[in-house]
Amino acid sequence: MTEDSSSIKPTKTIDMKGLLCPEPVFQTRQTIKEMNIDEILEVLADDPVAEEDIKSWVKKSENELIFFNKDDKLLKFLIRKVK
């Protein structure tokens, strides 16, 4: 997992701030499904449950979490579609 996200340009960004579980992981899954392999999705969320939910989903879906940051309450994920 990369330490610095500034060099990574996401293909698409979804803003989940204000949405509660299961909405962030559901919308992440739906958006990734519509993307092409090797494209990068940036997910912004502030539901604390989203951290575990999205990390768990990424592992199960066999996609790649290339960056994660938690800054105060804001969670930022960069996920590369692998399959």
PDB file of N, CA and C in Angstrom:
ATOM      1  N   MET A   1       0.848  -1.178   0.000  1.00  0.00           N
ATOM      2  CA  MET A   1       0.000   0.000   0.000  1.00  0.00           C
ATOM      3  C   MET A   1       0.892   1.240   0.000  1.00  0.00           C
ATOM      4  N   THR A   2       0.562   2.169  -0.850  1.00  0.00           N
ATOM      5  CA  THR A   2       1.356   3.386  -1.014  1.00  0.00           C
ATOM      6  C   THR A   2       1.143   4.339   0.160  1.00  0.00           C
ATOM      7  N   GLU A   3       2.201   5.010   0.584  1.00  0.00           N
ATOM      8  CA  GLU A   3       2.108   5.960   1.697  1.00  0.00           C
ATOM      9  C   GLU A   3       1.576   7.314   1.259  1.00  0.00           C
ATOM     10  N   ASP A   4       1.840   7.677   0.008  1.00  0.00           N
ATOM     11  CA  ASP A   4       1.489   9.006  -0.478  1.00  0.00           C
ATOM     12  C   ASP A   4       0.527   8.858  -1.644  1.00  0.00           C
ATOM     13  N   SER A   5      -0.646   9.479  -1.531  1.00  0.00           N
ATOM     14  CA  SER A   5      -1.639   9.330  -2.591  1.00  0.00           C
ATOM     15  C   SER A   5      -1.550  10.431  -3.635  1.00  0.00           C
ATOM     16  N   SER A   6      -0.701  11.429  -3.421  1.00  0.00           N
ATOM     17  CA  SER A   6      -0.682  12.583  -4.327  1.00  0.00           C
ATOM     18  C   SER A   6      -0.228  12.214  -5.738  1.00  0.00           C
ATOM     19  N   SER A   7       0.541  11.132  -5.878  1.00  0.00           N
ATOM     20  CA  SER A   7       1.015  10.739  -7.205  1.00  0.00           C
ATOM     21  C   SER A   7       0.008   9.829  -7.920  1.00  0.00           C
ATOM     22  N   ILE A   8      -1.028   9.397  -7.199  1.00  0.00           N
ATOM     23  CA  ILE A   8      -2.020   8.494  -7.772  1.00  0.00           C
ATOM     24  C   ILE A   8      -3.232   9.308  -8.214  1.00  0.00           C
ATOM     25  N   LYS A   9      -3.573   9.176  -9.478  1.00  0.00           N
ATOM     26  CA  LYS A   9      -4.723   9.909 -10.016  1.00  0.00           C
ATOM     27  C   LYS A   9      -5.898   8.953 -10.171  1.00  0.00           C
ATOM     28  N   PRO A  10      -6.930   9.116  -9.332  1.00  0.00           N
ATOM     29  CA  PRO A  10      -8.072   8.212  -9.462  1.00  0.00           C
ATOM     30  C   PRO A  10      -8.833   8.431 -10.768  1.00  0.00           C
ATOM     31  N   THR A  11      -9.380   7.350 -11.294  1.00  0.00           N
ATOM     32  CA  THR A  11     -10.212   7.406 -12.495  1.00  0.00           C
ATOM     33  C   THR A  11     -11.560   8.028 -12.149  1.00  0.00           C
ATOM     34  N   LYS A  12     -12.042   7.703 -10.944  1.00  0.00           N
ATOM     35  CA  LYS A  12     -13.366   8.142 -10.518  1.00  0.00           C
ATOM     36  C   LYS A  12     -13.363   8.347  -9.008  1.00  0.00           C
ATOM     37  N   THR A  13     -14.159   9.298  -8.522  1.00  0.00           N
ATOM     38  CA  THR A  13     -14.285   9.560  -7.085  1.00  0.00           C
ATOM     39  C   THR A  13     -15.753   9.468  -6.695  1.00  0.00           C
ATOM     40  N   ILE A  14     -16.025   8.780  -5.581  1.00  0.00           N
ATOM     41  CA  ILE A  14     -17.375   8.814  -5.025  1.00  0.00           C
ATOM     42  C   ILE A  14     -17.294   9.346  -3.597  1.00  0.00           C
ATOM     43  N   ASP A  15     -18.190  10.270  -3.292  1.00  0.00           N
ATOM     44  CA  ASP A  15     -18.216  10.940  -1.995  1.00  0.00           C
ATOM     45  C   ASP A  15     -19.353  10.356  -1.166  1.00  0.00           C
ATOM     46  N   MET A  16     -18.988   9.594  -0.148  1.00  0.00           N
ATOM     47  CA  MET A  16     -19.976   8.924   0.698  1.00  0.00           C
ATOM     48  C   MET A  16     -20.165   9.640   2.037  1.00  0.00           C
ATOM     49  N   LYS A  17     -19.613  10.837   2.160  1.00  0.00           N
ATOM     50  CA  LYS A  17     -19.713  11.541   3.440  1.00  0.00           C
ATOM     51  C   LYS A  17     -21.187  11.749   3.802  1.00  0.00           C
ATOM     52  N   GLY A  18     -21.508  11.428   5.053  1.00  0.00           N
ATOM     53  CA  GLY A  18     -22.885  11.581   5.528  1.00  0.00           C
ATOM     54  C   GLY A  18     -23.735  10.333   5.339  1.00  0.00           C
ATOM     55  N   LEU A  19     -23.210   9.343   4.608  1.00  0.00           N
ATOM     56  CA  LEU A  19     -23.968   8.101   4.405  1.00  0.00           C
ATOM     57  C   LEU A  19     -23.507   7.045   5.399  1.00  0.00           C
ATOM     58  N   LEU A  20     -24.463   6.286   5.920  1.00  0.00           N
ATOM     59  CA  LEU A  20     -24.154   5.273   6.919  1.00  0.00           C
ATOM     60  C   LEU A  20     -24.204   3.877   6.306  1.00  0.00           C
ATOM     61  N   CYS A  21     -23.569   2.944   6.997  1.00  0.00           N
ATOM     62  CA  CYS A  21     -23.526   1.544   6.618  1.00  0.00           C
ATOM     63  C   CYS A  21     -24.949   1.055   6.326  1.00  0.00           C
ATOM     64  N   PRO A  22     -25.162   0.292   5.285  1.00  0.00           N
ATOM     65  CA  PRO A  22     -24.199  -0.313   4.376  1.00  0.00           C
ATOM     66  C   PRO A  22     -23.965   0.499   3.098  1.00  0.00           C
ATOM     67  N   GLU A  23     -24.476   1.719   3.041  1.00  0.00           N
ATOM     68  CA  GLU A  23     -24.441   2.500   1.801  1.00  0.00           C
ATOM     69  C   GLU A  23     -23.034   2.689   1.224  1.00  0.00           C
ATOM     70  N   PRO A  24     -22.012   3.078   2.019  1.00  0.00           N
ATOM     71  CA  PRO A  24     -20.671   3.276   1.425  1.00  0.00           C
ATOM     72  C   PRO A  24     -20.120   2.022   0.743  1.00  0.00           C
ATOM     73  N   VAL A  25     -20.216   0.883   1.386  1.00  0.00           N
ATOM     74  CA  VAL A  25     -19.673  -0.338   0.781  1.00  0.00           C
ATOM     75  C   VAL A  25     -20.536  -0.774  -0.410  1.00  0.00           C
ATOM     76  N   PHE A  26     -21.838  -0.575  -0.324  1.00  0.00           N
ATOM     77  CA  PHE A  26     -22.733  -0.929  -1.423  1.00  0.00           C
ATOM     78  C   PHE A  26     -22.416  -0.093  -2.668  1.00  0.00           C
ATOM     79  N   GLN A  27     -22.277   1.216  -2.482  1.00  0.00           N
ATOM     80  CA  GLN A  27     -21.987   2.085  -3.629  1.00  0.00           C
ATOM     81  C   GLN A  27     -20.576   1.864  -4.168  1.00  0.00           C
ATOM     82  N   THR A  28     -19.633   1.544  -3.287  1.00  0.00           N
ATOM     83  CA  THR A  28     -18.268   1.218  -3.732  1.00  0.00           C
ATOM     84  C   THR A  28     -18.316  -0.008  -4.647  1.00  0.00           C
ATOM     85  N   ARG A  29     -19.022  -1.031  -4.195  1.00  0.00           N
ATOM     86  CA  ARG A  29     -19.140  -2.271  -4.977  1.00  0.00           C
ATOM     87  C   ARG A  29     -19.800  -2.000  -6.331  1.00  0.00           C
ATOM     88  N   GLN A  30     -20.879  -1.241  -6.347  1.00  0.00           N
ATOM     89  CA  GLN A  30     -21.587  -0.931  -7.592  1.00  0.00           C
ATOM     90  C   GLN A  30     -20.691  -0.152  -8.561  1.00  0.00           C
ATOM     91  N   THR A  31     -19.963   0.827  -8.036  1.00  0.00           N
ATOM     92  CA  THR A  31     -19.123   1.680  -8.889  1.00  0.00           C
ATOM     93  C   THR A  31     -17.963   0.876  -9.476  1.00  0.00           C
ATOM     94  N   ILE A  32     -17.295   0.063  -8.647  1.00  0.00           N
ATOM     95  CA  ILE A  32     -16.177  -0.766  -9.125  1.00  0.00           C
ATOM     96  C   ILE A  32     -16.657  -1.706 -10.236  1.00  0.00           C
ATOM     97  N   LYS A  33     -17.853  -2.239 -10.078  1.00  0.00           N
ATOM     98  CA  LYS A  33     -18.416  -3.163 -11.063  1.00  0.00           C
ATOM     99  C   LYS A  33     -18.486  -2.518 -12.458  1.00  0.00           C
ATOM    100  N   GLU A  34     -18.751  -1.210 -12.497  1.00  0.00           N
ATOM    101  CA  GLU A  34     -18.901  -0.488 -13.763  1.00  0.00           C
ATOM    102  C   GLU A  34     -17.571  -0.003 -14.347  1.00  0.00           C
ATOM    103  N   MET A  35     -16.483  -0.157 -13.585  1.00  0.00           N
ATOM    104  CA  MET A  35     -15.177   0.353 -14.018  1.00  0.00           C
ATOM    105  C   MET A  35     -14.391  -0.724 -14.768  1.00  0.00           C
ATOM    106  N   ASN A  36     -13.339  -0.281 -15.460  1.00  0.00           N
ATOM    107  CA  ASN A  36     -12.466  -1.203 -16.190  1.00  0.00           C
ATOM    108  C   ASN A  36     -11.307  -1.647 -15.307  1.00  0.00           C
ATOM    109  N   ILE A  37     -10.723  -2.792 -15.651  1.00  0.00           N
ATOM    110  CA  ILE A  37      -9.562  -3.312 -14.911  1.00  0.00           C
ATOM    111  C   ILE A  37      -8.432  -2.284 -14.947  1.00  0.00           C
ATOM    112  N   ASP A  38      -7.758  -2.131 -13.823  1.00  0.00           N
ATOM    113  CA  ASP A  38      -6.647  -1.193 -13.601  1.00  0.00           C
ATOM    114  C   ASP A  38      -7.097   0.252 -13.364  1.00  0.00           C
ATOM    115  N   GLU A  39      -8.381   0.538 -13.460  1.00  0.00           N
ATOM    116  CA  GLU A  39      -8.843   1.878 -13.095  1.00  0.00           C
ATOM    117  C   GLU A  39      -8.868   1.994 -11.575  1.00  0.00           C
ATOM    118  N   ILE A  40      -8.763   3.225 -11.092  1.00  0.00           N
ATOM    119  CA  ILE A  40      -8.661   3.464  -9.654  1.00  0.00           C
ATOM    120  C   ILE A  40      -9.861   4.279  -9.179  1.00  0.00           C
ATOM    121  N   LEU A  41     -10.493   3.767  -8.126  1.00  0.00           N
ATOM    122  CA  LEU A  41     -11.639   4.432  -7.514  1.00  0.00           C
ATOM    123  C   LEU A  41     -11.206   5.075  -6.203  1.00  0.00           C
ATOM    124  N   GLU A  42     -11.514   6.354  -6.064  1.00  0.00           N
ATOM    125  CA  GLU A  42     -11.290   7.053  -4.795  1.00  0.00           C
ATOM    126  C   GLU A  42     -12.622   7.090  -4.060  1.00  0.00           C
ATOM    127  N   VAL A  43     -12.622   6.628  -2.806  1.00  0.00           N
ATOM    128  CA  VAL A  43     -13.827   6.625  -1.984  1.00  0.00           C
ATOM    129  C   VAL A  43     -13.579   7.515  -0.772  1.00  0.00           C
ATOM    130  N   LEU A  44     -14.472   8.475  -0.555  1.00  0.00           N
ATOM    131  CA  LEU A  44     -14.414   9.346   0.613  1.00  0.00           C
ATOM    132  C   LEU A  44     -15.616   9.018   1.490  1.00  0.00           C
ATOM    133  N   ALA A  45     -15.382   8.775   2.776  1.00  0.00           N
ATOM    134  CA  ALA A  45     -16.470   8.412   3.684  1.00  0.00           C
ATOM    135  C   ALA A  45     -16.168   8.944   5.079  1.00  0.00           C
ATOM    136  N   ASP A  46     -17.222   9.092   5.882  1.00  0.00           N
ATOM    137  CA  ASP A  46     -16.992   9.515   7.272  1.00  0.00           C
ATOM    138  C   ASP A  46     -17.711   8.616   8.278  1.00  0.00           C
ATOM    139  N   ASP A  47     -18.300   7.531   7.814  1.00  0.00           N
ATOM    140  CA  ASP A  47     -18.906   6.551   8.712  1.00  0.00           C
ATOM    141  C   ASP A  47     -17.783   5.646   9.225  1.00  0.00           C
ATOM    142  N   PRO A  48     -17.540   5.637  10.546  1.00  0.00           N
ATOM    143  CA  PRO A  48     -16.422   4.832  11.078  1.00  0.00           C
ATOM    144  C   PRO A  48     -16.516   3.350  10.698  1.00  0.00           C
ATOM    145  N   VAL A  49     -17.708   2.823  10.542  1.00  0.00           N
ATOM    146  CA  VAL A  49     -17.901   1.419  10.174  1.00  0.00           C
ATOM    147  C   VAL A  49     -17.399   1.158   8.753  1.00  0.00           C
ATOM    148  N   ALA A  50     -17.392   2.193   7.919  1.00  0.00           N
ATOM    149  CA  ALA A  50     -16.974   2.036   6.520  1.00  0.00           C
ATOM    150  C   ALA A  50     -15.524   1.564   6.411  1.00  0.00           C
ATOM    151  N   GLU A  51     -14.681   1.936   7.368  1.00  0.00           N
ATOM    152  CA  GLU A  51     -13.276   1.522   7.301  1.00  0.00           C
ATOM    153  C   GLU A  51     -13.174  -0.004   7.225  1.00  0.00           C
ATOM    154  N   GLU A  52     -13.782  -0.685   8.182  1.00  0.00           N
ATOM    155  CA  GLU A  52     -13.708  -2.143   8.225  1.00  0.00           C
ATOM    156  C   GLU A  52     -14.499  -2.766   7.081  1.00  0.00           C
ATOM    157  N   ASP A  53     -15.682  -2.210   6.796  1.00  0.00           N
ATOM    158  CA  ASP A  53     -16.540  -2.765   5.747  1.00  0.00           C
ATOM    159  C   ASP A  53     -15.854  -2.729   4.380  1.00  0.00           C
ATOM    160  N   ILE A  54     -15.304  -1.580   4.028  1.00  0.00           N
ATOM    161  CA  ILE A  54     -14.700  -1.435   2.702  1.00  0.00           C
ATOM    162  C   ILE A  54     -13.406  -2.241   2.603  1.00  0.00           C
ATOM    163  N   LYS A  55     -12.580  -2.207   3.657  1.00  0.00           N
ATOM    164  CA  LYS A  55     -11.352  -3.015   3.639  1.00  0.00           C
ATOM    165  C   LYS A  55     -11.687  -4.496   3.481  1.00  0.00           C
ATOM    166  N   SER A  56     -12.692  -4.955   4.190  1.00  0.00           N
ATOM    167  CA  SER A  56     -13.105  -6.353   4.129  1.00  0.00           C
ATOM    168  C   SER A  56     -13.640  -6.693   2.734  1.00  0.00           C
ATOM    169  N   TRP A  57     -14.468  -5.803   2.176  1.00  0.00           N
ATOM    170  CA  TRP A  57     -15.010  -6.046   0.838  1.00  0.00           C
ATOM    171  C   TRP A  57     -13.899  -6.093  -0.209  1.00  0.00           C
ATOM    172  N   VAL A  58     -12.919  -5.181  -0.119  1.00  0.00           N
ATOM    173  CA  VAL A  58     -11.817  -5.155  -1.088  1.00  0.00           C
ATOM    174  C   VAL A  58     -11.089  -6.502  -1.076  1.00  0.00           C
ATOM    175  N   LYS A  59     -10.822  -7.016   0.112  1.00  0.00           N
ATOM    176  CA  LYS A  59     -10.124  -8.299   0.236  1.00  0.00           C
ATOM    177  C   LYS A  59     -10.955  -9.429  -0.373  1.00  0.00           C
ATOM    178  N   LYS A  60     -12.241  -9.478  -0.047  1.00  0.00           N
ATOM    179  CA  LYS A  60     -13.124 -10.529  -0.556  1.00  0.00           C
ATOM    180  C   LYS A  60     -13.303 -10.442  -2.074  1.00  0.00           C
ATOM    181  N   SER A  61     -13.344  -9.230  -2.590  1.00  0.00           N
ATOM    182  CA  SER A  61     -13.595  -9.040  -4.024  1.00  0.00           C
ATOM    183  C   SER A  61     -12.327  -9.209  -4.853  1.00  0.00           C
ATOM    184  N   GLU A  62     -11.183  -9.363  -4.162  1.00  0.00           N
ATOM    185  CA  GLU A  62      -9.882  -9.544  -4.800  1.00  0.00           C
ATOM    186  C   GLU A  62      -9.449  -8.329  -5.619  1.00  0.00           C
ATOM    187  N   ASN A  63      -9.938  -7.157  -5.222  1.00  0.00           N
ATOM    188  CA  ASN A  63      -9.418  -5.921  -5.791  1.00  0.00           C
ATOM    189  C   ASN A  63      -8.262  -5.478  -4.899  1.00  0.00           C
ATOM    190  N   GLU A  64      -7.665  -4.333  -5.180  1.00  0.00           N
ATOM    191  CA  GLU A  64      -6.455  -3.941  -4.457  1.00  0.00           C
ATOM    192  C   GLU A  64      -6.635  -2.578  -3.785  1.00  0.00           C
ATOM    193  N   LEU A  65      -6.475  -2.565  -2.469  1.00  0.00           N
ATOM    194  CA  LEU A  65      -6.476  -1.309  -1.725  1.00  0.00           C
ATOM    195  C   LEU A  65      -5.061  -0.738  -1.825  1.00  0.00           C
ATOM    196  N   ILE A  66      -4.890   0.306  -2.636  1.00  0.00           N
ATOM    197  CA  ILE A  66      -3.543   0.835  -2.842  1.00  0.00           C
ATOM    198  C   ILE A  66      -3.231   2.001  -1.914  1.00  0.00           C
ATOM    199  N   PHE A  67      -4.275   2.565  -1.285  1.00  0.00           N
ATOM    200  CA  PHE A  67      -4.046   3.650  -0.331  1.00  0.00           C
ATOM    201  C   PHE A  67      -5.225   3.731   0.617  1.00  0.00           C
ATOM    202  N   PHE A  68      -4.919   3.975   1.897  1.00  0.00           N
ATOM    203  CA  PHE A  68      -5.966   4.264   2.886  1.00  0.00           C
ATOM    204  C   PHE A  68      -5.441   5.319   3.832  1.00  0.00           C
ATOM    205  N   ASN A  69      -6.280   6.286   4.145  1.00  0.00           N
ATOM    206  CA  ASN A  69      -5.907   7.316   5.106  1.00  0.00           C
ATOM    207  C   ASN A  69      -7.120   7.682   5.940  1.00  0.00           C
ATOM    208  N   LYS A  70      -6.875   7.871   7.231  1.00  0.00           N
ATOM    209  CA  LYS A  70      -7.923   8.311   8.148  1.00  0.00           C
ATOM    210  C   LYS A  70      -7.442   9.636   8.726  1.00  0.00           C
ATOM    211  N   ASP A  71      -8.135  10.700   8.383  1.00  0.00           N
ATOM    212  CA  ASP A  71      -7.745  12.032   8.833  1.00  0.00           C
ATOM    213  C   ASP A  71      -8.915  12.617   9.597  1.00  0.00           C
ATOM    214  N   ASP A  72      -8.774  12.689  10.934  1.00  0.00           N
ATOM    215  CA  ASP A  72      -9.873  13.090  11.797  1.00  0.00           C
ATOM    216  C   ASP A  72     -11.011  12.100  11.567  1.00  0.00           C
ATOM    217  N   LYS A  73     -12.111  12.525  10.958  1.00  0.00           N
ATOM    218  CA  LYS A  73     -13.213  11.586  10.720  1.00  0.00           C
ATOM    219  C   LYS A  73     -13.287  11.145   9.263  1.00  0.00           C
ATOM    220  N   LEU A  74     -12.506  11.774   8.393  1.00  0.00           N
ATOM    221  CA  LEU A  74     -12.594  11.461   6.965  1.00  0.00           C
ATOM    222  C   LEU A  74     -11.746  10.244   6.608  1.00  0.00           C
ATOM    223  N   LEU A  75     -12.377   9.293   5.950  1.00  0.00           N
ATOM    224  CA  LEU A  75     -11.692   8.104   5.454  1.00  0.00           C
ATOM    225  C   LEU A  75     -11.500   8.255   3.954  1.00  0.00           C
ATOM    226  N   LYS A  76     -10.302   7.955   3.488  1.00  0.00           N
ATOM    227  CA  LYS A  76     -10.026   8.026   2.054  1.00  0.00           C
ATOM    228  C   LYS A  76      -9.424   6.696   1.621  1.00  0.00           C
ATOM    229  N   PHE A  77     -10.045   6.093   0.624  1.00  0.00           N
ATOM    230  CA  PHE A  77      -9.592   4.823   0.063  1.00  0.00           C
ATOM    231  C   PHE A  77      -9.267   5.024  -1.401  1.00  0.00           C
ATOM    232  N   LEU A  78      -8.196   4.402  -1.884  1.00  0.00           N
ATOM    233  CA  LEU A  78      -7.936   4.298  -3.315  1.00  0.00           C
ATOM    234  C   LEU A  78      -7.887   2.810  -3.631  1.00  0.00           C
ATOM    235  N   ILE A  79      -8.808   2.396  -4.495  1.00  0.00           N
ATOM    236  CA  ILE A  79      -8.971   0.970  -4.794  1.00  0.00           C
ATOM    237  C   ILE A  79      -8.754   0.746  -6.285  1.00  0.00           C
ATOM    238  N   ARG A  80      -7.836  -0.160  -6.617  1.00  0.00           N
ATOM    239  CA  ARG A  80      -7.600  -0.518  -8.013  1.00  0.00           C
ATOM    240  C   ARG A  80      -8.438  -1.732  -8.357  1.00  0.00           C
ATOM    241  N   LYS A  81      -9.189  -1.621  -9.459  1.00  0.00           N
ATOM    242  CA  LYS A  81      -9.978  -2.773  -9.908  1.00  0.00           C
ATOM    243  C   LYS A  81      -9.031  -3.793 -10.526  1.00  0.00           C
ATOM    244  N   VAL A  82      -9.040  -4.987 -10.000  1.00  0.00           N
ATOM    245  CA  VAL A  82      -8.149  -6.046 -10.457  1.00  0.00           C
ATOM    246  C   VAL A  82      -8.891  -7.057 -11.317  1.00  0.00           C
ATOM    247  N   LYS A  83     -10.134  -7.329 -10.960  1.00  0.00           N
ATOM    248  CA  LYS A  83     -10.893  -8.327 -11.749  1.00  0.00           C
ATOM    249  C   LYS A  83     -12.343  -7.942 -11.879  1.00  0.00           C
TER     250      LYS A  83
END
